[in-house]
Amino acid sequence: MKTTNTMNRREMIAASVTAAASVMIVPRHVLGGPGQKAPSEKLNIAGIGIGGMGSGDTQSCGGSENIVALCDVDQGALERMGKKFPNAKQFADFRKMLEEQKDIDVVFIATPDHCHAVATMMALKMGKHVHCQKPLTHSVYEARMIGKAAAEAKVATQMGNFGQAGEEARLVCEYIQSGMIGTVREIHGGSNRPGGISPRGIPRPKDKPPCPPKLNWDLWLGPSPERPYHPCYHPFAWRGWWDFGTGCLGDIGCHEFSKVFKALKLGHPAWVEACSSNHSLGKEIANESAPLASITRWYFPKEGDREALMLYWWDGGLRPQRPEELEPDREFGENDWTYIVGDKAKIYGHRIIPESKQKEIGRPPRTLERSPGHWQEFFAACRGGKPAGADFAKHSAHLAEVVLLGNIALRTPGRLMWDAENLKFTNNEKANALINPPYRQGYSL
């Protein structure tokens, strides 16, 4: 008989994960085929894109799991992270890494948006567990395909919208599902961060400064159309360019809308339309970069017990009419936010407004299981537990698909009628061309 003092580290890790997630751990060779490691062992993790969000993702898990491979198109990022994980092999091309290194169990993906899907799909097809930053994909078609591939692969997946694991998201769901705010007719979400997500509403630069010597620009471009290097794209500022990012909506929409998609089991919208500050700026801007400010609307028809509702997105300083119930000294529509209109009560953030009504109503009945944490639920899923809260097939691929429909509407005037079954708009071929933009040679799903 072993005592607690003689338990080895592997046994302690397995025990702690089991306790935190309240799941029965099944040996991975049963789930993933011959040669898979037992769940008592550390997971072997590879990071793709380790200079920004990927740096935090990798370091946050480097103490509890094995970081065995690092991949980035910027040699400087590899050098910096290599000092923290000197035993990890280094690669510039994720395709080469996945083909050559056979001991990888889990892949973290935190590249710019345009490379999310191609890296994710390759990892899924190879049977790897995948954690990918939001918005999961760059296009609507990619989101649909990643959702299908994840369901077929039967591996653990998680999108990086960390708030989905929090208490506030569960409170909002419980308020809605308990009926305490009545029938939901409108949902508003938005982001008015000071300084914005990245430069937007600007034309493509015409000058051609030299590429930094440690940056592989061809690999950075990945599947997107070729263009010269410019510092307005890398680092970070890529979010505002349609070829690489998904603007403010793509960046924050998956954060703010996740909880309401879960609470109301939102399916597909019947139509989507949008207006933005790009409207009067001409094609050289509208076709290149996301707008400085925009409003997007999705209409969801009645489905089952859920009544028809409107979903709205606001950014760049735009916001809906201030609710009369909100106290005059409270902020409204600042930073990242959600506002939900029920016919009995309204929620701003995760609380009923006004505060006096919140105190009167109190907390909703506790009906949802609480999360042990975003990473904990993902690693429990990797070790044979239940799917994580932002699992691709069950939640986040669909969420990303609907959010990204909004970006097509931002680039296409008029109301777009959506045929979800056939993955096309029934009334606009220009919009259809944006559902699945072509890849450069050498990249595919």
Protein backbone atom coordinates (compact mmCIF):
# COMPACT_ATOMS: atom_id res chain seq x y z
CA MET A 1 0.00 0.00 0.00
CA LYS A 2 1.34 3.43 -0.95
CA THR A 3 1.01 6.29 1.48
CA THR A 4 0.33 9.89 0.45
CA ASN A 5 3.95 10.74 1.09
CA THR A 6 5.19 8.15 -1.37
CA MET A 7 2.88 9.05 -4.27
CA ASN A 8 4.91 10.05 -7.31
CA ARG A 9 4.32 13.26 -9.26
CA ARG A 10 2.44 11.57 -12.09
CA GLU A 11 -0.04 10.05 -9.66
CA MET A 12 -0.55 13.40 -7.95
CA ILE A 13 -1.20 15.17 -11.27
CA ALA A 14 -3.73 12.56 -12.33
CA ALA A 15 -5.46 12.72 -8.96
CA SER A 16 -5.65 16.52 -8.95
CA VAL A 17 -7.13 16.66 -12.47
CA THR A 18 -9.71 14.03 -11.54
CA ALA A 19 -10.75 15.91 -8.42
CA ALA A 20 -10.94 19.29 -10.16
CA ALA A 21 -12.99 18.15 -13.12
CA SER A 22 -15.07 15.48 -11.33
CA VAL A 23 -14.67 13.05 -14.23
CA MET A 24 -13.55 9.47 -14.57
CA ILE A 25 -10.20 9.36 -16.35
CA VAL A 26 -10.05 6.79 -19.13
CA PRO A 27 -6.68 5.57 -20.39
CA ARG A 28 -5.84 7.41 -23.61
CA HIS A 29 -4.89 4.24 -25.44
CA VAL A 30 -8.58 3.29 -25.19
CA LEU A 31 -9.63 6.63 -26.70
CA GLY A 32 -6.87 7.41 -29.12
CA GLY A 33 -5.52 4.12 -30.41
CA PRO A 34 -2.35 2.12 -29.74
CA GLY A 35 0.68 4.01 -28.56
CA GLN A 36 -1.19 6.75 -26.72
CA LYS A 37 0.15 7.65 -23.29
CA ALA A 38 -1.70 7.02 -20.06
CA PRO A 39 -3.44 10.08 -18.53
CA SER A 40 -1.21 9.94 -15.46
CA GLU A 41 1.65 11.24 -17.61
CA LYS A 42 2.24 14.83 -18.60
CA LEU A 43 0.87 15.96 -21.94
CA ASN A 44 3.39 16.83 -24.65
CA ILE A 45 2.47 20.29 -25.96
CA ALA A 46 3.53 22.16 -29.10
CA GLY A 47 2.94 25.88 -29.44
CA ILE A 48 2.28 27.44 -32.85
CA GLY A 49 2.56 31.22 -32.70
CA ILE A 50 4.37 32.01 -29.46
CA GLY A 51 5.08 35.72 -29.65
CA GLY A 52 1.82 37.26 -28.37
CA MET A 53 -1.11 35.39 -26.86
CA GLY A 54 0.79 32.20 -27.56
CA SER A 55 3.51 33.27 -25.18
CA GLY A 56 1.04 33.50 -22.33
CA ASP A 57 -0.72 30.28 -23.30
CA THR A 58 2.51 28.33 -23.44
CA GLN A 59 3.95 29.71 -20.23
CA SER A 60 0.72 29.25 -18.29
CA CYS A 61 0.86 25.50 -18.90
CA GLY A 62 4.59 24.95 -19.09
CA GLY A 63 4.87 24.08 -15.41
CA SER A 64 2.26 21.33 -15.34
CA GLU A 65 2.80 19.79 -18.80
CA ASN A 66 5.72 19.18 -21.17
CA ILE A 67 6.44 21.86 -23.78
CA VAL A 68 8.14 19.75 -26.43
CA ALA A 69 8.00 21.98 -29.53
CA LEU A 70 7.88 25.69 -30.33
CA CYS A 71 6.91 27.10 -33.71
CA ASP A 72 6.97 30.70 -34.90
CA VAL A 73 7.81 32.50 -38.13
CA ASP A 74 9.75 35.06 -36.08
CA GLN A 75 13.14 33.74 -34.96
CA GLY A 76 13.22 36.38 -32.25
CA ALA A 77 10.11 34.89 -30.63
CA LEU A 78 11.65 31.42 -30.81
CA GLU A 79 14.82 32.65 -29.14
CA ARG A 80 12.91 34.33 -26.31
CA MET A 81 10.67 31.35 -25.59
CA GLY A 82 13.51 28.92 -26.16
CA LYS A 83 15.25 30.33 -23.10
CA LYS A 84 12.24 29.37 -21.00
CA PHE A 85 11.88 25.91 -22.57
CA PRO A 86 15.37 24.90 -23.68
CA ASN A 87 14.41 21.25 -24.29
CA ALA A 88 11.70 22.11 -26.81
CA LYS A 89 12.52 21.66 -30.48
CA GLN A 90 12.15 24.80 -32.59
CA PHE A 91 10.46 25.22 -35.98
CA ALA A 92 9.50 28.07 -38.28
CA ASP A 93 6.88 26.10 -40.27
CA PHE A 94 4.06 24.34 -38.38
CA ARG A 95 3.61 21.89 -41.26
CA LYS A 96 7.16 20.65 -40.87
CA MET A 97 6.79 20.47 -37.10
CA LEU A 98 3.63 18.35 -37.21
CA GLU A 99 5.07 16.07 -39.89
CA GLU A 100 8.43 15.49 -38.20
CA GLN A 101 7.79 15.50 -34.45
CA LYS A 102 5.80 12.42 -33.52
CA ASP A 103 5.54 12.83 -29.73
CA ILE A 104 3.12 15.78 -29.75
CA ASP A 105 -0.16 15.22 -27.89
CA VAL A 106 -1.60 18.75 -27.79
CA VAL A 107 -1.24 21.74 -30.10
CA PHE A 108 -1.70 25.35 -28.97
CA ILE A 109 -2.47 27.73 -31.86
CA ALA A 110 -2.13 31.49 -31.38
CA THR A 111 -1.12 32.72 -34.82
CA PRO A 112 -2.85 35.61 -36.57
CA ASP A 113 -6.42 34.66 -37.52
CA HIS A 114 -5.65 33.78 -41.15
CA CYS A 115 -3.53 30.78 -40.12
CA HIS A 116 -5.83 29.39 -37.42
CA ALA A 117 -7.82 27.00 -39.58
CA VAL A 118 -5.02 25.49 -41.67
CA ALA A 119 -2.95 24.70 -38.57
CA THR A 120 -5.98 23.46 -36.63
CA MET A 121 -7.17 21.20 -39.43
CA MET A 122 -3.76 19.61 -39.90
CA ALA A 123 -3.51 18.91 -36.17
CA LEU A 124 -7.03 17.47 -36.01
CA LYS A 125 -6.40 15.16 -38.95
CA MET A 126 -3.29 13.87 -37.15
CA GLY A 127 -5.31 13.12 -34.01
CA LYS A 128 -3.89 15.91 -31.86
CA HIS A 129 -5.85 17.71 -29.16
CA VAL A 130 -6.14 21.40 -30.11
CA HIS A 131 -6.46 24.67 -28.23
CA CYS A 132 -6.91 27.57 -30.68
CA GLN A 133 -7.34 31.23 -29.92
CA LYS A 134 -10.52 33.02 -30.95
CA PRO A 135 -12.17 33.55 -33.35
CA LEU A 136 -11.06 29.98 -34.21
CA THR A 137 -11.12 30.64 -37.97
CA HIS A 138 -10.74 33.44 -40.49
CA SER A 139 -13.69 32.54 -42.72
CA VAL A 140 -17.22 31.18 -42.40
CA TYR A 141 -16.38 28.11 -44.49
CA GLU A 142 -13.38 27.30 -42.30
CA ALA A 143 -15.56 27.43 -39.19
CA ARG A 144 -18.04 24.94 -40.64
CA MET A 145 -15.27 22.59 -41.76
CA ILE A 146 -13.37 22.77 -38.46
CA GLY A 147 -16.55 21.94 -36.55
CA LYS A 148 -17.11 18.84 -38.68
CA ALA A 149 -13.48 17.76 -38.51
CA ALA A 150 -13.38 18.11 -34.72
CA ALA A 151 -16.49 15.95 -34.36
CA GLU A 152 -14.93 13.27 -36.56
CA ALA A 153 -11.52 13.40 -34.89
CA LYS A 154 -12.96 12.78 -31.41
CA VAL A 155 -10.13 14.64 -29.71
CA ALA A 156 -10.26 17.36 -27.07
CA THR A 157 -10.65 20.89 -28.38
CA GLN A 158 -11.00 24.35 -26.82
CA MET A 159 -11.24 27.87 -28.24
CA GLY A 160 -9.46 30.58 -26.27
CA ASN A 161 -12.48 32.57 -25.07
CA PHE A 162 -11.52 32.19 -21.42
CA GLY A 163 -14.59 33.94 -20.01
CA GLN A 164 -16.77 30.97 -20.95
CA ALA A 165 -15.38 29.14 -17.92
CA GLY A 166 -16.19 31.94 -15.48
CA GLU A 167 -18.92 32.48 -12.92
CA GLU A 168 -20.36 35.52 -14.69
CA ALA A 169 -21.14 33.53 -17.84
CA ARG A 170 -22.99 30.94 -15.80
CA LEU A 171 -25.02 33.55 -13.94
CA VAL A 172 -26.20 35.07 -17.22
CA CYS A 173 -27.20 31.63 -18.51
CA GLU A 174 -29.07 30.84 -15.30
CA TYR A 175 -30.94 34.17 -15.33
CA ILE A 176 -32.09 33.48 -18.89
CA GLN A 177 -32.86 29.79 -18.52
CA SER A 178 -34.74 30.25 -15.23
CA GLY A 179 -37.11 32.72 -16.87
CA MET A 180 -36.26 35.41 -14.32
CA ILE A 181 -35.78 38.05 -17.03
CA GLY A 182 -38.63 36.75 -19.17
CA THR A 183 -38.56 36.26 -22.92
CA VAL A 184 -35.36 37.56 -24.50
CA ARG A 185 -36.03 39.72 -27.55
CA GLU A 186 -32.74 41.61 -27.96
CA ILE A 187 -29.09 40.89 -27.22
CA HIS A 188 -26.45 43.59 -27.62
CA GLY A 189 -22.70 43.17 -27.43
CA GLY A 190 -19.87 45.50 -28.19
CA SER A 191 -16.35 46.74 -27.70
CA ASN A 192 -15.21 50.33 -27.36
CA ARG A 193 -11.73 49.77 -26.03
CA PRO A 194 -9.60 52.90 -25.90
CA GLY A 195 -7.29 52.81 -28.88
CA GLY A 196 -9.25 50.05 -30.60
CA ILE A 197 -8.12 46.57 -31.53
CA SER A 198 -5.63 47.72 -34.18
CA PRO A 199 -5.47 50.41 -36.89
CA ARG A 200 -8.56 50.18 -39.11
CA GLY A 201 -10.31 52.14 -41.82
CA ILE A 202 -7.07 52.78 -43.72
CA PRO A 203 -5.78 51.87 -47.21
CA ARG A 204 -2.97 49.44 -47.96
CA PRO A 205 0.42 51.16 -47.59
CA LYS A 206 2.40 51.80 -50.76
CA ASP A 207 5.90 52.01 -49.31
CA LYS A 208 8.02 48.85 -48.95
CA PRO A 209 10.28 48.95 -45.91
CA PRO A 210 12.77 46.08 -45.48
CA CYS A 211 11.56 42.96 -43.70
CA PRO A 212 13.20 42.32 -40.30
CA PRO A 213 15.98 39.76 -40.76
CA LYS A 214 14.53 37.32 -38.21
CA LEU A 215 11.03 37.29 -39.73
CA ASN A 216 10.08 34.75 -42.41
CA TRP A 217 7.53 36.88 -44.24
CA ASP A 218 6.47 34.17 -46.67
CA LEU A 219 5.53 31.84 -43.81
CA TRP A 220 3.84 34.70 -41.97
CA LEU A 221 1.57 35.27 -44.99
CA GLY A 222 0.55 31.62 -44.85
CA PRO A 223 -2.58 30.97 -46.93
CA SER A 224 -3.36 34.68 -47.52
CA PRO A 225 -2.58 36.55 -50.76
CA GLU A 226 1.00 37.67 -51.24
CA ARG A 227 1.93 41.27 -50.44
CA PRO A 228 5.12 43.05 -49.33
CA TYR A 229 6.08 43.18 -45.68
CA HIS A 230 5.08 46.28 -43.75
CA PRO A 231 5.15 47.00 -39.99
CA CYS A 232 1.48 47.99 -40.16
CA TYR A 233 0.71 44.25 -40.34
CA HIS A 234 3.17 42.68 -37.95
CA PRO A 235 3.27 42.49 -35.00
CA PHE A 236 -0.32 42.60 -33.67
CA ALA A 237 -1.68 45.25 -36.05
CA TRP A 238 -2.78 42.50 -38.46
CA ARG A 239 -6.18 42.31 -36.70
CA GLY A 240 -7.54 45.27 -38.65
CA TRP A 241 -6.71 43.88 -42.13
CA TRP A 242 -9.26 41.61 -43.82
CA ASP A 243 -6.60 39.36 -45.36
CA PHE A 244 -5.19 38.53 -41.93
CA GLY A 245 -7.62 39.46 -39.16
CA THR A 246 -11.32 39.72 -38.40
CA GLY A 247 -11.58 43.23 -37.00
CA CYS A 248 -13.15 44.22 -33.73
CA LEU A 249 -16.17 41.95 -34.22
CA GLY A 250 -14.08 38.83 -34.84
CA ASP A 251 -11.70 39.61 -32.01
CA ILE A 252 -14.25 40.28 -29.25
CA GLY A 253 -17.56 38.91 -30.55
CA CYS A 254 -16.74 35.33 -29.58
CA HIS A 255 -16.06 36.53 -26.03
CA GLU A 256 -19.25 38.53 -25.56
CA PHE A 257 -21.70 36.24 -27.37
CA SER A 258 -20.57 32.83 -26.09
CA LYS A 259 -22.80 32.84 -23.01
CA VAL A 260 -25.97 33.82 -24.86
CA PHE A 261 -25.40 31.22 -27.56
CA LYS A 262 -25.23 28.63 -24.79
CA ALA A 263 -28.15 30.00 -22.77
CA LEU A 264 -30.54 30.27 -25.72
CA LYS A 265 -29.10 27.47 -27.86
CA LEU A 266 -28.94 29.85 -30.81
CA GLY A 267 -28.83 28.12 -34.16
CA HIS A 268 -28.47 29.89 -37.49
CA PRO A 269 -29.73 33.39 -38.31
CA ALA A 270 -32.19 33.96 -41.15
CA TRP A 271 -30.39 37.12 -42.20
CA VAL A 272 -27.55 39.47 -41.31
CA GLU A 273 -26.91 43.11 -42.19
CA ALA A 274 -24.41 45.76 -41.15
CA CYS A 275 -23.38 49.37 -41.55
CA SER A 276 -20.03 50.98 -40.83
CA SER A 277 -17.70 53.94 -41.13
CA ASN A 278 -16.16 52.27 -44.21
CA HIS A 279 -19.30 52.96 -46.26
CA SER A 280 -18.20 56.37 -47.54
CA LEU A 281 -14.46 55.65 -47.77
CA GLY A 282 -14.27 53.77 -51.07
CA LYS A 283 -13.18 50.27 -52.05
CA GLU A 284 -9.47 50.87 -51.50
CA ILE A 285 -10.25 51.04 -47.79
CA ALA A 286 -13.44 48.98 -47.42
CA ASN A 287 -11.91 45.97 -49.18
CA GLU A 288 -8.67 46.19 -47.23
CA SER A 289 -9.32 46.96 -43.58
CA ALA A 290 -12.06 46.63 -40.99
CA PRO A 291 -14.02 49.78 -40.11
CA LEU A 292 -13.31 52.14 -37.25
CA ALA A 293 -16.93 51.86 -36.14
CA SER A 294 -19.76 49.51 -37.05
CA ILE A 295 -23.18 48.09 -36.21
CA THR A 296 -24.13 44.53 -37.14
CA ARG A 297 -27.52 42.80 -36.81
CA TRP A 298 -28.50 39.13 -36.98
CA TYR A 299 -32.12 37.93 -36.95
CA PHE A 300 -32.82 34.55 -35.36
CA PRO A 301 -36.33 33.24 -36.10
CA LYS A 302 -38.39 31.38 -33.53
CA GLU A 303 -36.98 27.93 -32.87
CA GLY A 304 -38.61 25.43 -30.51
CA ASP A 305 -39.48 27.15 -27.23
CA ARG A 306 -37.26 30.14 -28.00
CA GLU A 307 -38.98 33.18 -29.46
CA ALA A 308 -37.51 35.16 -32.36
CA LEU A 309 -34.81 37.63 -31.35
CA MET A 310 -32.30 40.15 -32.65
CA LEU A 311 -28.58 40.02 -31.95
CA TYR A 312 -26.62 43.29 -32.26
CA TRP A 313 -22.92 44.18 -32.33
CA TRP A 314 -21.60 47.72 -31.72
CA ASP A 315 -18.04 49.06 -31.81
CA GLY A 316 -15.95 52.18 -32.35
CA GLY A 317 -17.94 54.33 -29.93
CA LEU A 318 -21.37 53.28 -31.23
CA ARG A 319 -23.85 51.80 -28.77
CA PRO A 320 -27.59 51.24 -28.38
CA GLN A 321 -29.92 53.63 -26.60
CA ARG A 322 -29.03 53.80 -22.94
CA PRO A 323 -31.52 51.74 -20.90
CA GLU A 324 -33.75 53.87 -18.68
CA GLU A 325 -33.26 51.38 -15.87
CA LEU A 326 -29.52 52.01 -15.62
CA GLU A 327 -28.46 54.43 -12.89
CA PRO A 328 -27.25 57.75 -14.33
CA ASP A 329 -23.81 57.49 -12.72
CA ARG A 330 -23.00 54.09 -14.25
CA GLU A 331 -21.02 53.61 -17.47
CA PHE A 332 -22.75 52.07 -20.47
CA GLY A 333 -21.13 50.62 -23.58
CA GLU A 334 -17.54 51.11 -22.45
CA ASN A 335 -14.72 48.61 -23.06
CA ASP A 336 -16.20 45.12 -23.77
CA TRP A 337 -19.82 44.62 -22.78
CA THR A 338 -23.10 42.70 -23.10
CA TYR A 339 -26.64 44.03 -22.67
CA ILE A 340 -29.63 41.63 -22.71
CA VAL A 341 -33.26 42.75 -22.98
CA GLY A 342 -35.94 40.50 -21.52
CA ASP A 343 -39.60 41.41 -21.17
CA LYS A 344 -39.38 41.10 -17.36
CA ALA A 345 -35.89 42.47 -16.69
CA LYS A 346 -32.66 43.56 -18.36
CA ILE A 347 -29.09 42.46 -17.77
CA TYR A 348 -26.03 44.64 -18.22
CA GLY A 349 -22.82 42.68 -17.87
CA HIS A 350 -23.95 39.87 -15.59
CA ARG A 351 -26.33 41.76 -13.28
CA ILE A 352 -29.96 42.85 -13.43
CA ILE A 353 -30.46 46.59 -13.80
CA PRO A 354 -31.12 48.73 -11.87
CA GLU A 355 -29.16 47.52 -8.84
CA SER A 356 -32.27 47.86 -6.68
CA LYS A 357 -34.02 45.25 -8.86
CA GLN A 358 -30.94 43.03 -8.73
CA LYS A 359 -31.17 43.04 -4.93
CA GLU A 360 -34.91 42.38 -5.11
CA ILE A 361 -34.61 39.46 -7.53
CA GLY A 362 -31.39 38.03 -6.14
CA ARG A 363 -29.29 35.33 -7.74
CA PRO A 364 -30.86 32.77 -10.07
CA PRO A 365 -31.21 29.11 -9.05
CA ARG A 366 -27.86 27.38 -9.39
CA THR A 367 -28.46 24.80 -12.11
CA LEU A 368 -25.22 24.74 -14.10
CA GLU A 369 -22.04 22.90 -13.18
CA ARG A 370 -19.17 25.25 -12.41
CA SER A 371 -15.89 25.04 -14.28
CA PRO A 372 -12.60 24.21 -12.57
CA GLY A 373 -11.01 26.71 -14.98
CA HIS A 374 -10.50 27.14 -18.72
CA TRP A 375 -7.22 25.21 -18.89
CA GLN A 376 -8.25 22.64 -16.30
CA GLU A 377 -11.38 21.62 -18.21
CA PHE A 378 -9.40 21.40 -21.45
CA PHE A 379 -6.67 19.20 -19.97
CA ALA A 380 -9.27 17.01 -18.29
CA ALA A 381 -10.85 16.54 -21.74
CA CYS A 382 -7.41 15.69 -23.17
CA ARG A 383 -7.13 12.97 -20.53
CA GLY A 384 -10.46 11.39 -21.43
CA GLY A 385 -12.95 13.58 -19.58
CA LYS A 386 -16.03 15.30 -20.93
CA PRO A 387 -15.74 17.95 -23.67
CA ALA A 388 -14.47 21.35 -22.60
CA GLY A 389 -16.78 24.37 -22.48
CA ALA A 390 -15.53 25.88 -25.75
CA ASP A 391 -15.26 22.56 -27.59
CA PHE A 392 -15.09 23.16 -31.35
CA ALA A 393 -17.79 20.71 -32.42
CA LYS A 394 -20.25 21.46 -29.64
CA HIS A 395 -19.95 25.23 -29.36
CA SER A 396 -17.16 27.40 -30.68
CA ALA A 397 -17.10 26.49 -34.40
CA HIS A 398 -20.78 27.43 -34.72
CA LEU A 399 -20.27 30.57 -32.64
CA ALA A 400 -17.35 31.63 -34.86
CA GLU A 401 -19.34 30.91 -38.03
CA VAL A 402 -22.21 33.16 -37.01
CA VAL A 403 -19.93 35.95 -35.77
CA LEU A 404 -17.95 35.88 -39.02
CA LEU A 405 -21.14 36.19 -41.07
CA GLY A 406 -21.19 39.69 -39.64
CA ASN A 407 -17.85 40.51 -41.24
CA ILE A 408 -19.22 39.52 -44.65
CA ALA A 409 -22.17 41.85 -44.02
CA LEU A 410 -19.75 44.65 -43.15
CA ARG A 411 -18.20 44.27 -46.59
CA THR A 412 -21.46 43.82 -48.51
CA PRO A 413 -24.25 46.45 -48.48
CA GLY A 414 -27.81 45.30 -47.89
CA ARG A 415 -29.54 42.51 -46.00
CA LEU A 416 -28.01 39.10 -46.65
CA MET A 417 -30.42 36.13 -46.54
CA TRP A 418 -28.59 33.12 -45.10
CA ASP A 419 -29.14 29.53 -46.22
CA ALA A 420 -27.24 27.74 -43.46
CA GLU A 421 -27.86 24.24 -44.78
CA ASN A 422 -26.19 25.01 -48.10
CA LEU A 423 -23.67 27.48 -46.67
CA LYS A 424 -24.58 30.34 -48.95
CA PHE A 425 -26.48 33.60 -49.23
CA THR A 426 -29.52 33.35 -51.45
CA ASN A 427 -29.48 36.94 -52.65
CA ASN A 428 -25.89 38.12 -53.09
CA GLU A 429 -23.10 36.47 -55.06
CA LYS A 430 -20.54 39.05 -53.98
CA ALA A 431 -21.15 38.02 -50.40
CA ASN A 432 -20.90 34.34 -51.35
CA ALA A 433 -17.40 34.97 -52.70
CA LEU A 434 -16.32 35.96 -49.17
CA ILE A 435 -17.53 32.75 -47.50
CA ASN A 436 -14.50 30.74 -48.60
CA PRO A 437 -11.65 32.93 -49.92
CA PRO A 438 -8.98 31.01 -51.86
CA TYR A 439 -5.67 29.98 -50.30
CA ARG A 440 -2.17 30.52 -51.63
CA GLN A 441 -0.48 27.43 -53.07
CA GLY A 442 0.94 25.16 -50.39
CA TYR A 443 -1.96 25.57 -47.94
CA SER A 444 -5.26 23.73 -47.68
CA LEU A 445 -7.82 22.44 -45.27
